[in-house]
Amino acid sequence: MPSIGAPEIILIILVVVLLFGAKKLPELARGSGRALRIFKSETKGLMDDDQKTDPHGRQLPPGANQPATEPQPPTVSEQQPTQDGAPRDSQR
């Protein structure tokens, strides 16, 4: 597969200048630069969110944002029904 060389790049630049005009190119470059700057700041903000800090600015330990204990399965109630359906005391 052939790669893009200098003649192809020059041709692409000429086509862009013809399509948008010389007056629009600086405006397009400015707009794309702003968009790129905003994109970079947002991705940096997302990376900073991954490194959690508490309200006082101290970095939390690695497992601090996880719950303290794992959820426990529901427990069986103290009274269990017998075969005839009447409740019995489980402490016998």
PDB file of N, CA and C in Angstrom:
ATOM      1  N   MET A   1       0.848  -1.164   0.000  1.00  0.00           N
ATOM      2  CA  MET A   1       0.000   0.000   0.000  1.00  0.00           C
ATOM      3  C   MET A   1       0.897   1.231   0.000  1.00  0.00           C
ATOM      4  N   PRO A   2       0.695   2.125  -0.951  1.00  0.00           N
ATOM      5  CA  PRO A   2       1.566   3.304  -1.029  1.00  0.00           C
ATOM      6  C   PRO A   2       1.269   4.284   0.105  1.00  0.00           C
ATOM      7  N   SER A   3       2.297   4.982   0.521  1.00  0.00           N
ATOM      8  CA  SER A   3       2.143   5.975   1.582  1.00  0.00           C
ATOM      9  C   SER A   3       1.910   7.351   0.964  1.00  0.00           C
ATOM     10  N   ILE A   4       1.449   8.272   1.778  1.00  0.00           N
ATOM     11  CA  ILE A   4       1.202   9.636   1.300  1.00  0.00           C
ATOM     12  C   ILE A   4       2.519  10.397   1.323  1.00  0.00           C
ATOM     13  N   GLY A   5       2.863  10.969   0.192  1.00  0.00           N
ATOM     14  CA  GLY A   5       4.107  11.718   0.082  1.00  0.00           C
ATOM     15  C   GLY A   5       3.848  13.212   0.010  1.00  0.00           C
ATOM     16  N   ALA A   6       4.891  13.964  -0.291  1.00  0.00           N
ATOM     17  CA  ALA A   6       4.804  15.423  -0.367  1.00  0.00           C
ATOM     18  C   ALA A   6       3.844  15.892  -1.464  1.00  0.00           C
ATOM     19  N   PRO A   7       3.870  15.313  -2.677  1.00  0.00           N
ATOM     20  CA  PRO A   7       2.936  15.791  -3.714  1.00  0.00           C
ATOM     21  C   PRO A   7       1.465  15.604  -3.315  1.00  0.00           C
ATOM     22  N   GLU A   8       1.162  14.501  -2.651  1.00  0.00           N
ATOM     23  CA  GLU A   8      -0.218  14.264  -2.227  1.00  0.00           C
ATOM     24  C   GLU A   8      -0.654  15.267  -1.158  1.00  0.00           C
ATOM     25  N   ILE A   9       0.242  15.588  -0.231  1.00  0.00           N
ATOM     26  CA  ILE A   9      -0.075  16.555   0.827  1.00  0.00           C
ATOM     27  C   ILE A   9      -0.315  17.936   0.225  1.00  0.00           C
ATOM     28  N   ILE A  10       0.510  18.324  -0.741  1.00  0.00           N
ATOM     29  CA  ILE A  10       0.334  19.623  -1.411  1.00  0.00           C
ATOM     30  C   ILE A  10      -1.010  19.665  -2.137  1.00  0.00           C
ATOM     31  N   LEU A  11      -1.377  18.581  -2.791  1.00  0.00           N
ATOM     32  CA  LEU A  11      -2.658  18.511  -3.490  1.00  0.00           C
ATOM     33  C   LEU A  11      -3.827  18.628  -2.504  1.00  0.00           C
ATOM     34  N   ILE A  12      -3.733  17.984  -1.366  1.00  0.00           N
ATOM     35  CA  ILE A  12      -4.785  18.066  -0.342  1.00  0.00           C
ATOM     36  C   ILE A  12      -4.915  19.498   0.168  1.00  0.00           C
ATOM     37  N   ILE A  13      -3.790  20.171   0.404  1.00  0.00           N
ATOM     38  CA  ILE A  13      -3.818  21.563   0.879  1.00  0.00           C
ATOM     39  C   ILE A  13      -4.462  22.467  -0.171  1.00  0.00           C
ATOM     40  N   LEU A  14      -4.131  22.269  -1.443  1.00  0.00           N
ATOM     41  CA  LEU A  14      -4.739  23.073  -2.514  1.00  0.00           C
ATOM     42  C   LEU A  14      -6.251  22.869  -2.576  1.00  0.00           C
ATOM     43  N   VAL A  15      -6.697  21.643  -2.434  1.00  0.00           N
ATOM     44  CA  VAL A  15      -8.136  21.363  -2.468  1.00  0.00           C
ATOM     45  C   VAL A  15      -8.836  22.034  -1.289  1.00  0.00           C
ATOM     46  N   VAL A  16      -8.224  21.987  -0.113  1.00  0.00           N
ATOM     47  CA  VAL A  16      -8.815  22.625   1.072  1.00  0.00           C
ATOM     48  C   VAL A  16      -8.901  24.134   0.874  1.00  0.00           C
ATOM     49  N   VAL A  17      -7.856  24.741   0.330  1.00  0.00           N
ATOM     50  CA  VAL A  17      -7.863  26.190   0.089  1.00  0.00           C
ATOM     51  C   VAL A  17      -8.946  26.541  -0.925  1.00  0.00           C
ATOM     52  N   LEU A  18      -9.103  25.737  -1.967  1.00  0.00           N
ATOM     53  CA  LEU A  18     -10.134  26.011  -2.965  1.00  0.00           C
ATOM     54  C   LEU A  18     -11.538  25.847  -2.389  1.00  0.00           C
ATOM     55  N   LEU A  19     -11.732  24.863  -1.536  1.00  0.00           N
ATOM     56  CA  LEU A  19     -13.059  24.629  -0.962  1.00  0.00           C
ATOM     57  C   LEU A  19     -13.463  25.704   0.038  1.00  0.00           C
ATOM     58  N   PHE A  20     -12.574  26.062   0.930  1.00  0.00           N
ATOM     59  CA  PHE A  20     -12.925  26.964   2.021  1.00  0.00           C
ATOM     60  C   PHE A  20     -12.513  28.409   1.773  1.00  0.00           C
ATOM     61  N   GLY A  21     -11.569  28.640   0.920  1.00  0.00           N
ATOM     62  CA  GLY A  21     -11.100  29.996   0.667  1.00  0.00           C
ATOM     63  C   GLY A  21     -10.050  30.408   1.680  1.00  0.00           C
ATOM     64  N   ALA A  22      -9.203  31.346   1.274  1.00  0.00           N
ATOM     65  CA  ALA A  22      -8.082  31.770   2.121  1.00  0.00           C
ATOM     66  C   ALA A  22      -8.562  32.532   3.352  1.00  0.00           C
ATOM     67  N   LYS A  23      -9.718  33.190   3.270  1.00  0.00           N
ATOM     68  CA  LYS A  23     -10.208  33.959   4.417  1.00  0.00           C
ATOM     69  C   LYS A  23     -10.760  33.050   5.520  1.00  0.00           C
ATOM     70  N   LYS A  24     -11.295  31.918   5.159  1.00  0.00           N
ATOM     71  CA  LYS A  24     -11.895  31.018   6.143  1.00  0.00           C
ATOM     72  C   LYS A  24     -10.869  30.137   6.848  1.00  0.00           C
ATOM     73  N   LEU A  25      -9.724  29.910   6.242  1.00  0.00           N
ATOM     74  CA  LEU A  25      -8.751  28.975   6.823  1.00  0.00           C
ATOM     75  C   LEU A  25      -8.255  29.385   8.208  1.00  0.00           C
ATOM     76  N   PRO A  26      -7.885  30.648   8.451  1.00  0.00           N
ATOM     77  CA  PRO A  26      -7.455  31.007   9.813  1.00  0.00           C
ATOM     78  C   PRO A  26      -8.565  30.809  10.849  1.00  0.00           C
ATOM     79  N   GLU A  27      -9.797  31.109  10.446  1.00  0.00           N
ATOM     80  CA  GLU A  27     -10.928  30.922  11.359  1.00  0.00           C
ATOM     81  C   GLU A  27     -11.136  29.435  11.671  1.00  0.00           C
ATOM     82  N   LEU A  28     -11.013  28.600  10.652  1.00  0.00           N
ATOM     83  CA  LEU A  28     -11.142  27.159  10.868  1.00  0.00           C
ATOM     84  C   LEU A  28     -10.021  26.629  11.757  1.00  0.00           C
ATOM     85  N   ALA A  29      -8.811  27.115  11.546  1.00  0.00           N
ATOM     86  CA  ALA A  29      -7.679  26.676  12.369  1.00  0.00           C
ATOM     87  C   ALA A  29      -7.870  27.109  13.820  1.00  0.00           C
ATOM     88  N   ARG A  30      -8.366  28.337  14.028  1.00  0.00           N
ATOM     89  CA  ARG A  30      -8.616  28.829  15.386  1.00  0.00           C
ATOM     90  C   ARG A  30      -9.685  27.984  16.078  1.00  0.00           C
ATOM     91  N   GLY A  31     -10.749  27.704  15.365  1.00  0.00           N
ATOM     92  CA  GLY A  31     -11.839  26.904  15.934  1.00  0.00           C
ATOM     93  C   GLY A  31     -11.406  25.492  16.276  1.00  0.00           C
ATOM     94  N   SER A  32     -10.618  24.889  15.389  1.00  0.00           N
ATOM     95  CA  SER A  32     -10.151  23.527  15.681  1.00  0.00           C
ATOM     96  C   SER A  32      -9.142  23.533  16.827  1.00  0.00           C
ATOM     97  N   GLY A  33      -8.346  24.586  16.943  1.00  0.00           N
ATOM     98  CA  GLY A  33      -7.413  24.692  18.072  1.00  0.00           C
ATOM     99  C   GLY A  33      -8.145  24.819  19.395  1.00  0.00           C
ATOM    100  N   ARG A  34      -9.222  25.614  19.410  1.00  0.00           N
ATOM    101  CA  ARG A  34     -10.026  25.746  20.635  1.00  0.00           C
ATOM    102  C   ARG A  34     -10.664  24.414  21.001  1.00  0.00           C
ATOM    103  N   ALA A  35     -11.205  23.733  19.995  1.00  0.00           N
ATOM    104  CA  ALA A  35     -11.852  22.448  20.251  1.00  0.00           C
ATOM    105  C   ALA A  35     -10.849  21.440  20.805  1.00  0.00           C
ATOM    106  N   LEU A  36      -9.640  21.431  20.247  1.00  0.00           N
ATOM    107  CA  LEU A  36      -8.610  20.518  20.733  1.00  0.00           C
ATOM    108  C   LEU A  36      -8.202  20.862  22.158  1.00  0.00           C
ATOM    109  N   ARG A  37      -8.097  22.143  22.473  1.00  0.00           N
ATOM    110  CA  ARG A  37      -7.738  22.578  23.825  1.00  0.00           C
ATOM    111  C   ARG A  37      -8.810  22.156  24.832  1.00  0.00           C
ATOM    112  N   ILE A  38     -10.079  22.336  24.467  1.00  0.00           N
ATOM    113  CA  ILE A  38     -11.179  21.932  25.346  1.00  0.00           C
ATOM    114  C   ILE A  38     -11.165  20.424  25.541  1.00  0.00           C
ATOM    115  N   PHE A  39     -10.940  19.691  24.462  1.00  0.00           N
ATOM    116  CA  PHE A  39     -10.895  18.231  24.548  1.00  0.00           C
ATOM    117  C   PHE A  39      -9.784  17.770  25.484  1.00  0.00           C
ATOM    118  N   LYS A  40      -8.610  18.377  25.370  1.00  0.00           N
ATOM    119  CA  LYS A  40      -7.488  18.010  26.239  1.00  0.00           C
ATOM    120  C   LYS A  40      -7.797  18.311  27.699  1.00  0.00           C
ATOM    121  N   SER A  41      -8.409  19.471  27.964  1.00  0.00           N
ATOM    122  CA  SER A  41      -8.712  19.818  29.358  1.00  0.00           C
ATOM    123  C   SER A  41      -9.763  18.877  29.938  1.00  0.00           C
ATOM    124  N   GLU A  42     -10.733  18.466  29.131  1.00  0.00           N
ATOM    125  CA  GLU A  42     -11.756  17.538  29.619  1.00  0.00           C
ATOM    126  C   GLU A  42     -11.165  16.160  29.892  1.00  0.00           C
ATOM    127  N   THR A  43     -10.290  15.676  29.021  1.00  0.00           N
ATOM    128  CA  THR A  43      -9.687  14.365  29.268  1.00  0.00           C
ATOM    129  C   THR A  43      -8.766  14.418  30.475  1.00  0.00           C
ATOM    130  N   LYS A  44      -8.092  15.538  30.685  1.00  0.00           N
ATOM    131  CA  LYS A  44      -7.256  15.686  31.879  1.00  0.00           C
ATOM    132  C   LYS A  44      -8.130  15.686  33.126  1.00  0.00           C
ATOM    133  N   GLY A  45      -9.295  16.336  33.040  1.00  0.00           N
ATOM    134  CA  GLY A  45     -10.232  16.339  34.157  1.00  0.00           C
ATOM    135  C   GLY A  45     -10.732  14.943  34.479  1.00  0.00           C
ATOM    136  N   LEU A  46     -10.962  14.133  33.458  1.00  0.00           N
ATOM    137  CA  LEU A  46     -11.395  12.756  33.695  1.00  0.00           C
ATOM    138  C   LEU A  46     -10.295  11.945  34.357  1.00  0.00           C
ATOM    139  N   MET A  47      -9.055  12.165  33.953  1.00  0.00           N
ATOM    140  CA  MET A  47      -7.940  11.449  34.578  1.00  0.00           C
ATOM    141  C   MET A  47      -7.772  11.874  36.027  1.00  0.00           C
ATOM    142  N   ASP A  48      -7.999  13.161  36.305  1.00  0.00           N
ATOM    143  CA  ASP A  48      -7.901  13.644  37.680  1.00  0.00           C
ATOM    144  C   ASP A  48      -9.007  13.062  38.545  1.00  0.00           C
ATOM    145  N   ASP A  49     -10.191  12.821  37.955  1.00  0.00           N
ATOM    146  CA  ASP A  49     -11.287  12.225  38.710  1.00  0.00           C
ATOM    147  C   ASP A  49     -10.955  10.805  39.143  1.00  0.00           C
ATOM    148  N   ASP A  50     -10.141  10.116  38.353  1.00  0.00           N
ATOM    149  CA  ASP A  50      -9.762   8.757  38.713  1.00  0.00           C
ATOM    150  C   ASP A  50      -8.913   8.731  39.974  1.00  0.00           C
ATOM    151  N   GLN A  51      -8.124   9.755  40.189  1.00  0.00           N
ATOM    152  CA  GLN A  51      -7.298   9.840  41.393  1.00  0.00           C
ATOM    153  C   GLN A  51      -8.104  10.611  42.426  1.00  0.00           C
ATOM    154  N   LYS A  52      -8.907   9.866  43.187  1.00  0.00           N
ATOM    155  CA  LYS A  52      -9.837  10.489  44.133  1.00  0.00           C
ATOM    156  C   LYS A  52      -9.091  11.179  45.265  1.00  0.00           C
ATOM    157  N   THR A  53      -9.623  12.323  45.667  1.00  0.00           N
ATOM    158  CA  THR A  53      -9.109  13.024  46.835  1.00  0.00           C
ATOM    159  C   THR A  53     -10.284  13.359  47.728  1.00  0.00           C
ATOM    160  N   ASP A  54     -10.037  13.457  49.028  1.00  0.00           N
ATOM    161  CA  ASP A  54     -11.099  13.833  49.952  1.00  0.00           C
ATOM    162  C   ASP A  54     -11.264  15.352  49.930  1.00  0.00           C
ATOM    163  N   PRO A  55     -12.273  15.903  50.609  1.00  0.00           N
ATOM    164  CA  PRO A  55     -12.515  17.353  50.553  1.00  0.00           C
ATOM    165  C   PRO A  55     -11.345  18.204  51.041  1.00  0.00           C
ATOM    166  N   HIS A  56     -10.447  17.639  51.848  1.00  0.00           N
ATOM    167  CA  HIS A  56      -9.322  18.411  52.369  1.00  0.00           C
ATOM    168  C   HIS A  56      -8.105  18.353  51.461  1.00  0.00           C
ATOM    169  N   GLY A  57      -8.221  17.661  50.317  1.00  0.00           N
ATOM    170  CA  GLY A  57      -7.133  17.629  49.361  1.00  0.00           C
ATOM    171  C   GLY A  57      -6.150  16.490  49.556  1.00  0.00           C
ATOM    172  N   ARG A  58      -6.389  15.644  50.560  1.00  0.00           N
ATOM    173  CA  ARG A  58      -5.486  14.507  50.762  1.00  0.00           C
ATOM    174  C   ARG A  58      -5.918  13.367  49.864  1.00  0.00           C
ATOM    175  N   GLN A  59      -4.951  12.609  49.384  1.00  0.00           N
ATOM    176  CA  GLN A  59      -5.274  11.488  48.518  1.00  0.00           C
ATOM    177  C   GLN A  59      -5.755  10.326  49.366  1.00  0.00           C
ATOM    178  N   LEU A  60      -6.850   9.716  48.938  1.00  0.00           N
ATOM    179  CA  LEU A  60      -7.422   8.600  49.666  1.00  0.00           C
ATOM    180  C   LEU A  60      -6.665   7.321  49.340  1.00  0.00           C
ATOM    181  N   PRO A  61      -6.683   6.332  50.242  1.00  0.00           N
ATOM    182  CA  PRO A  61      -6.040   5.053  49.940  1.00  0.00           C
ATOM    183  C   PRO A  61      -6.744   4.361  48.775  1.00  0.00           C
ATOM    184  N   PRO A  62      -6.081   3.393  48.133  1.00  0.00           N
ATOM    185  CA  PRO A  62      -6.624   2.797  46.914  1.00  0.00           C
ATOM    186  C   PRO A  62      -8.029   2.214  47.049  1.00  0.00           C
ATOM    187  N   GLY A  63      -8.386   1.601  48.170  1.00  0.00           N
ATOM    188  CA  GLY A  63      -9.700   0.989  48.307  1.00  0.00           C
ATOM    189  C   GLY A  63     -10.714   1.871  49.002  1.00  0.00           C
ATOM    190  N   ALA A  64     -10.493   3.150  49.109  1.00  0.00           N
ATOM    191  CA  ALA A  64     -11.355   4.024  49.899  1.00  0.00           C
ATOM    192  C   ALA A  64     -12.717   4.248  49.259  1.00  0.00           C
ATOM    193  N   ASN A  65     -12.821   4.154  47.960  1.00  0.00           N
ATOM    194  CA  ASN A  65     -14.105   4.422  47.331  1.00  0.00           C
ATOM    195  C   ASN A  65     -14.960   3.165  47.213  1.00  0.00           C
ATOM    196  N   GLN A  66     -14.497   2.029  47.738  1.00  0.00           N
ATOM    197  CA  GLN A  66     -15.261   0.801  47.737  1.00  0.00           C
ATOM    198  C   GLN A  66     -15.998   0.663  49.056  1.00  0.00           C
ATOM    199  N   PRO A  67     -17.114  -0.063  49.080  1.00  0.00           N
ATOM    200  CA  PRO A  67     -17.831  -0.238  50.338  1.00  0.00           C
ATOM    201  C   PRO A  67     -16.978  -0.989  51.355  1.00  0.00           C
ATOM    202  N   ALA A  68     -17.205  -0.697  52.641  1.00  0.00           N
ATOM    203  CA  ALA A  68     -16.387  -1.280  53.706  1.00  0.00           C
ATOM    204  C   ALA A  68     -16.562  -2.791  53.787  1.00  0.00           C
ATOM    205  N   THR A  69     -17.772  -3.278  53.629  1.00  0.00           N
ATOM    206  CA  THR A  69     -18.017  -4.718  53.673  1.00  0.00           C
ATOM    207  C   THR A  69     -18.780  -5.121  52.432  1.00  0.00           C
ATOM    208  N   GLU A  70     -18.637  -6.373  52.083  1.00  0.00           N
ATOM    209  CA  GLU A  70     -19.384  -6.873  50.947  1.00  0.00           C
ATOM    210  C   GLU A  70     -20.821  -7.111  51.378  1.00  0.00           C
ATOM    211  N   PRO A  71     -21.770  -6.992  50.476  1.00  0.00           N
ATOM    212  CA  PRO A  71     -23.156  -7.217  50.851  1.00  0.00           C
ATOM    213  C   PRO A  71     -23.354  -8.650  51.339  1.00  0.00           C
ATOM    214  N   GLN A  72     -24.067  -8.798  52.453  1.00  0.00           N
ATOM    215  CA  GLN A  72     -24.317 -10.102  53.043  1.00  0.00           C
ATOM    216  C   GLN A  72     -25.620 -10.663  52.485  1.00  0.00           C
ATOM    217  N   PRO A  73     -25.693 -11.992  52.306  1.00  0.00           N
ATOM    218  CA  PRO A  73     -26.953 -12.584  51.859  1.00  0.00           C
ATOM    219  C   PRO A  73     -28.005 -12.441  52.952  1.00  0.00           C
ATOM    220  N   PRO A  74     -29.261 -12.425  52.589  1.00  0.00           N
ATOM    221  CA  PRO A  74     -30.303 -12.281  53.601  1.00  0.00           C
ATOM    222  C   PRO A  74     -30.264 -13.446  54.590  1.00  0.00           C
ATOM    223  N   THR A  75     -30.497 -13.139  55.851  1.00  0.00           N
ATOM    224  CA  THR A  75     -30.454 -14.170  56.891  1.00  0.00           C
ATOM    225  C   THR A  75     -31.823 -14.793  57.067  1.00  0.00           C
ATOM    226  N   VAL A  76     -31.805 -16.008  57.576  1.00  0.00           N
ATOM    227  CA  VAL A  76     -33.046 -16.726  57.840  1.00  0.00           C
ATOM    228  C   VAL A  76     -33.656 -16.148  59.106  1.00  0.00           C
ATOM    229  N   SER A  77     -34.951 -15.995  59.118  1.00  0.00           N
ATOM    230  CA  SER A  77     -35.604 -15.423  60.299  1.00  0.00           C
ATOM    231  C   SER A  77     -35.479 -16.366  61.487  1.00  0.00           C
ATOM    232  N   GLU A  78     -35.718 -15.856  62.680  1.00  0.00           N
ATOM    233  CA  GLU A  78     -35.584 -16.629  63.916  1.00  0.00           C
ATOM    234  C   GLU A  78     -36.608 -17.746  63.993  1.00  0.00           C
ATOM    235  N   GLN A  79     -37.797 -17.532  63.479  1.00  0.00           N
ATOM    236  CA  GLN A  79     -38.829 -18.557  63.540  1.00  0.00           C
ATOM    237  C   GLN A  79     -38.960 -19.202  62.175  1.00  0.00           C
ATOM    238  N   GLN A  80     -38.885 -20.531  62.146  1.00  0.00           N
ATOM    239  CA  GLN A  80     -39.028 -21.264  60.905  1.00  0.00           C
ATOM    240  C   GLN A  80     -40.293 -22.106  60.987  1.00  0.00           C
ATOM    241  N   PRO A  81     -41.051 -22.166  59.913  1.00  0.00           N
ATOM    242  CA  PRO A  81     -42.283 -22.957  59.971  1.00  0.00           C
ATOM    243  C   PRO A  81     -41.980 -24.451  60.005  1.00  0.00           C
ATOM    244  N   THR A  82     -42.831 -25.199  60.694  1.00  0.00           N
ATOM    245  CA  THR A  82     -42.706 -26.658  60.737  1.00  0.00           C
ATOM    246  C   THR A  82     -43.442 -27.233  59.545  1.00  0.00           C
ATOM    247  N   GLN A  83     -43.490 -28.556  59.474  1.00  0.00           N
ATOM    248  CA  GLN A  83     -44.153 -29.192  58.339  1.00  0.00           C
ATOM    249  C   GLN A  83     -45.642 -28.884  58.311  1.00  0.00           C
ATOM    250  N   ASP A  84     -46.252 -28.677  59.464  1.00  0.00           N
ATOM    251  CA  ASP A  84     -47.685 -28.381  59.484  1.00  0.00           C
ATOM    252  C   ASP A  84     -47.967 -26.892  59.289  1.00  0.00           C
ATOM    253  N   GLY A  85     -46.929 -26.064  59.138  1.00  0.00           N
ATOM    254  CA  GLY A  85     -47.097 -24.651  58.868  1.00  0.00           C
ATOM    255  C   GLY A  85     -47.060 -23.776  60.095  1.00  0.00           C
ATOM    256  N   ALA A  86     -47.060 -24.349  61.290  1.00  0.00           N
ATOM    257  CA  ALA A  86     -47.018 -23.555  62.513  1.00  0.00           C
ATOM    258  C   ALA A  86     -45.584 -23.118  62.771  1.00  0.00           C
ATOM    259  N   PRO A  87     -45.367 -21.874  63.226  1.00  0.00           N
ATOM    260  CA  PRO A  87     -43.990 -21.431  63.492  1.00  0.00           C
ATOM    261  C   PRO A  87     -43.390 -22.145  64.691  1.00  0.00           C
ATOM    262  N   ARG A  88     -42.104 -22.414  64.642  1.00  0.00           N
ATOM    263  CA  ARG A  88     -41.423 -23.026  65.775  1.00  0.00           C
ATOM    264  C   ARG A  88     -40.263 -22.147  66.176  1.00  0.00           C
ATOM    265  N   ASP A  89     -39.797 -22.297  67.374  1.00  0.00           N
ATOM    266  CA  ASP A  89     -38.694 -21.513  67.898  1.00  0.00           C
ATOM    267  C   ASP A  89     -37.391 -22.196  67.495  1.00  0.00           C
ATOM    268  N   SER A  90     -36.445 -21.469  66.868  1.00  0.00           N
ATOM    269  CA  SER A  90     -35.196 -22.081  66.396  1.00  0.00           C
ATOM    270  C   SER A  90     -34.164 -22.223  67.498  1.00  0.00           C
ATOM    271  N   GLN A  91     -34.450 -21.776  68.706  1.00  0.00           N
ATOM    272  CA  GLN A  91     -33.475 -21.837  69.792  1.00  0.00           C
ATOM    273  C   GLN A  91     -33.649 -23.070  70.660  1.00  0.00           C
ATOM    274  N   ARG A  92     -34.388 -24.076  70.265  1.00  0.00           N
ATOM    275  CA  ARG A  92     -34.584 -25.278  71.068  1.00  0.00           C
ATOM    276  C   ARG A  92     -33.362 -26.110  71.149  1.00  0.00           C
TER     277      ARG A  92
END
